[in-house]
């Protein structure tokens, strides 16, 4: 059995409040033991190296997003337009090359 990969999501910039029908931009980094990892450290699965699932608590507003890389700032970025105010959970679906095992990392954005 493989040990956990110790991967985490670090929010670099996210709106404090998510407002319905207003586009929100989020910047984040994927970290392993507090060091940044890049897309080259992940396998491509279903045509992308990262699939983000952005979902509200009622499970009625769902976004499937592939973030882009900002090479200048060394982070990942995506935008979405929530249908509701409040908190959304971001799930990052990735498969690290070191383990070749699918992992889901998560972080909440927004406030109630």
C-alpha atoms as a PDB file:
ATOM      1  CA  UNK A   1       0.000   0.000   0.000  1.00  0.00           C
ATOM      2  CA  UNK A   2       1.279   3.485  -0.893  1.00  0.00           C
ATOM      3  CA  UNK A   3       1.567   6.100   1.870  1.00  0.00           C
ATOM      4  CA  UNK A   4      -0.421   9.347   1.469  1.00  0.00           C
ATOM      5  CA  UNK A   5       1.204  11.820  -0.894  1.00  0.00           C
ATOM      6  CA  UNK A   6       0.967  14.791   1.524  1.00  0.00           C
ATOM      7  CA  UNK A   7      -0.492  17.010  -1.215  1.00  0.00           C
ATOM      8  CA  UNK A   8      -2.432  20.127  -0.250  1.00  0.00           C
ATOM      9  CA  UNK A   9      -4.023  23.153  -1.915  1.00  0.00           C
ATOM     10  CA  UNK A  10      -2.785  26.614  -1.000  1.00  0.00           C
ATOM     11  CA  UNK A  11      -5.128  29.481  -1.895  1.00  0.00           C
ATOM     12  CA  UNK A  12      -3.047  32.347  -3.201  1.00  0.00           C
ATOM     13  CA  UNK A  13      -5.964  34.671  -3.925  1.00  0.00           C
ATOM     14  CA  UNK A  14      -9.702  34.081  -3.674  1.00  0.00           C
ATOM     15  CA  UNK A  15     -12.659  36.419  -3.197  1.00  0.00           C
ATOM     16  CA  UNK A  16     -13.659  36.746   0.431  1.00  0.00           C
ATOM     17  CA  UNK A  17     -17.309  36.730  -0.599  1.00  0.00           C
ATOM     18  CA  UNK A  18     -18.827  34.902  -3.533  1.00  0.00           C
ATOM     19  CA  UNK A  19     -21.760  36.811  -4.993  1.00  0.00           C
ATOM     20  CA  UNK A  20     -24.347  35.154  -7.208  1.00  0.00           C
ATOM     21  CA  UNK A  21     -23.940  35.923 -10.919  1.00  0.00           C
ATOM     22  CA  UNK A  22     -20.631  37.768 -10.428  1.00  0.00           C
ATOM     23  CA  UNK A  23     -17.518  36.168 -11.880  1.00  0.00           C
ATOM     24  CA  UNK A  24     -14.944  35.120  -9.284  1.00  0.00           C
ATOM     25  CA  UNK A  25     -11.265  34.451  -9.987  1.00  0.00           C
ATOM     26  CA  UNK A  26      -9.259  32.103  -7.779  1.00  0.00           C
ATOM     27  CA  UNK A  27      -5.494  31.528  -7.723  1.00  0.00           C
ATOM     28  CA  UNK A  28      -3.989  28.517  -5.992  1.00  0.00           C
ATOM     29  CA  UNK A  29      -0.946  26.295  -5.800  1.00  0.00           C
ATOM     30  CA  UNK A  30      -0.598  22.583  -5.264  1.00  0.00           C
ATOM     31  CA  UNK A  31       1.924  21.783  -2.567  1.00  0.00           C
ATOM     32  CA  UNK A  32       3.735  18.709  -1.345  1.00  0.00           C
ATOM     33  CA  UNK A  33       5.324  19.133   2.060  1.00  0.00           C
ATOM     34  CA  UNK A  34       4.944  22.923   1.651  1.00  0.00           C
ATOM     35  CA  UNK A  35       6.810  22.990  -1.671  1.00  0.00           C
ATOM     36  CA  UNK A  36       5.096  23.792  -4.948  1.00  0.00           C
ATOM     37  CA  UNK A  37       4.549  21.053  -7.483  1.00  0.00           C
ATOM     38  CA  UNK A  38       3.900  21.571 -11.176  1.00  0.00           C
ATOM     39  CA  UNK A  39       1.793  19.993 -13.888  1.00  0.00           C
ATOM     40  CA  UNK A  40       4.779  17.896 -14.944  1.00  0.00           C
ATOM     41  CA  UNK A  41       4.342  16.082 -11.597  1.00  0.00           C
ATOM     42  CA  UNK A  42       0.836  14.922 -12.634  1.00  0.00           C
ATOM     43  CA  UNK A  43      -0.506  12.435 -15.153  1.00  0.00           C
ATOM     44  CA  UNK A  44      -3.035  13.494 -17.738  1.00  0.00           C
ATOM     45  CA  UNK A  45      -6.405  11.844 -17.129  1.00  0.00           C
ATOM     46  CA  UNK A  46      -9.432  12.418 -19.388  1.00  0.00           C
ATOM     47  CA  UNK A  47      -7.556  15.061 -21.455  1.00  0.00           C
ATOM     48  CA  UNK A  48      -6.391  17.225 -18.512  1.00  0.00           C
ATOM     49  CA  UNK A  49      -3.913  17.088 -15.637  1.00  0.00           C
ATOM     50  CA  UNK A  50      -6.244  18.840 -13.171  1.00  0.00           C
ATOM     51  CA  UNK A  51     -10.016  18.688 -12.996  1.00  0.00           C
ATOM     52  CA  UNK A  52     -11.650  21.090 -10.554  1.00  0.00           C
ATOM     53  CA  UNK A  53     -15.131  20.429  -9.251  1.00  0.00           C
ATOM     54  CA  UNK A  54     -16.585  23.600  -7.728  1.00  0.00           C
ATOM     55  CA  UNK A  55     -19.816  22.876  -5.859  1.00  0.00           C
ATOM     56  CA  UNK A  56     -22.166  24.759  -3.535  1.00  0.00           C
ATOM     57  CA  UNK A  57     -23.366  23.075  -0.280  1.00  0.00           C
ATOM     58  CA  UNK A  58     -26.827  22.290  -1.693  1.00  0.00           C
ATOM     59  CA  UNK A  59     -25.163  20.421  -4.605  1.00  0.00           C
ATOM     60  CA  UNK A  60     -27.316  22.350  -7.094  1.00  0.00           C
ATOM     61  CA  UNK A  61     -24.588  24.549  -8.600  1.00  0.00           C
ATOM     62  CA  UNK A  62     -21.740  22.539 -10.076  1.00  0.00           C
ATOM     63  CA  UNK A  63     -18.778  23.658 -12.212  1.00  0.00           C
ATOM     64  CA  UNK A  64     -16.195  21.378 -13.892  1.00  0.00           C
ATOM     65  CA  UNK A  65     -13.143  23.524 -14.627  1.00  0.00           C
ATOM     66  CA  UNK A  66      -9.620  22.990 -15.951  1.00  0.00           C
ATOM     67  CA  UNK A  67      -7.383  25.697 -14.440  1.00  0.00           C
ATOM     68  CA  UNK A  68      -4.667  27.404 -16.415  1.00  0.00           C
ATOM     69  CA  UNK A  69      -1.052  27.916 -15.381  1.00  0.00           C
ATOM     70  CA  UNK A  70       0.257  31.432 -14.763  1.00  0.00           C
ATOM     71  CA  UNK A  71       3.957  30.839 -15.402  1.00  0.00           C
ATOM     72  CA  UNK A  72       4.849  34.365 -14.319  1.00  0.00           C
ATOM     73  CA  UNK A  73       3.318  34.001 -10.833  1.00  0.00           C
ATOM     74  CA  UNK A  74       3.899  30.232 -10.637  1.00  0.00           C
ATOM     75  CA  UNK A  75       0.321  29.431  -9.694  1.00  0.00           C
ATOM     76  CA  UNK A  76      -2.883  28.039 -11.170  1.00  0.00           C
ATOM     77  CA  UNK A  77      -5.902  30.206 -11.933  1.00  0.00           C
ATOM     78  CA  UNK A  78      -9.562  29.721 -12.795  1.00  0.00           C
ATOM     79  CA  UNK A  79     -12.706  31.819 -12.951  1.00  0.00           C
ATOM     80  CA  UNK A  80     -16.319  30.822 -12.488  1.00  0.00           C
ATOM     81  CA  UNK A  81     -19.667  32.499 -11.945  1.00  0.00           C
ATOM     82  CA  UNK A  82     -21.512  31.152  -8.892  1.00  0.00           C
ATOM     83  CA  UNK A  83     -25.280  30.921  -9.071  1.00  0.00           C
ATOM     84  CA  UNK A  84     -25.526  31.442  -5.293  1.00  0.00           C
ATOM     85  CA  UNK A  85     -23.950  33.614  -2.613  1.00  0.00           C
ATOM     86  CA  UNK A  86     -21.840  31.906   0.023  1.00  0.00           C
ATOM     87  CA  UNK A  87     -19.370  29.068   0.341  1.00  0.00           C
ATOM     88  CA  UNK A  88     -18.311  26.742  -2.457  1.00  0.00           C
ATOM     89  CA  UNK A  89     -16.080  23.706  -2.088  1.00  0.00           C
ATOM     90  CA  UNK A  90     -13.323  23.229  -4.650  1.00  0.00           C
ATOM     91  CA  UNK A  91     -12.237  19.639  -5.259  1.00  0.00           C
ATOM     92  CA  UNK A  92      -9.020  19.125  -7.234  1.00  0.00           C
ATOM     93  CA  UNK A  93      -8.973  15.753  -8.997  1.00  0.00           C
ATOM     94  CA  UNK A  94      -5.346  14.856  -9.775  1.00  0.00           C
ATOM     95  CA  UNK A  95      -3.157  11.810 -10.361  1.00  0.00           C
ATOM     96  CA  UNK A  96       0.460  12.354  -9.244  1.00  0.00           C
ATOM     97  CA  UNK A  97       3.113  10.694 -11.402  1.00  0.00           C
ATOM     98  CA  UNK A  98       4.888   9.377  -8.296  1.00  0.00           C
ATOM     99  CA  UNK A  99       1.946   7.199  -7.197  1.00  0.00           C
ATOM    100  CA  UNK A 100      -0.218   6.983 -10.341  1.00  0.00           C
ATOM    101  CA  UNK A 101      -3.198   7.003  -7.923  1.00  0.00           C
ATOM    102  CA  UNK A 102      -6.143   9.384  -8.257  1.00  0.00           C
ATOM    103  CA  UNK A 103      -6.427  11.881  -5.397  1.00  0.00           C
ATOM    104  CA  UNK A 104      -8.984  14.503  -4.420  1.00  0.00           C
ATOM    105  CA  UNK A 105      -7.785  17.605  -2.585  1.00  0.00           C
ATOM    106  CA  UNK A 106     -10.292  20.153  -1.338  1.00  0.00           C
ATOM    107  CA  UNK A 107     -10.587  23.693  -0.070  1.00  0.00           C
ATOM    108  CA  UNK A 108     -13.540  25.982   0.675  1.00  0.00           C
ATOM    109  CA  UNK A 109     -13.853  29.454  -0.826  1.00  0.00           C
ATOM    110  CA  UNK A 110     -16.236  32.261   0.093  1.00  0.00           C
ATOM    111  CA  UNK A 111     -18.047  32.984   3.342  1.00  0.00           C
ATOM    112  CA  UNK A 112     -21.613  32.270   4.470  1.00  0.00           C
END
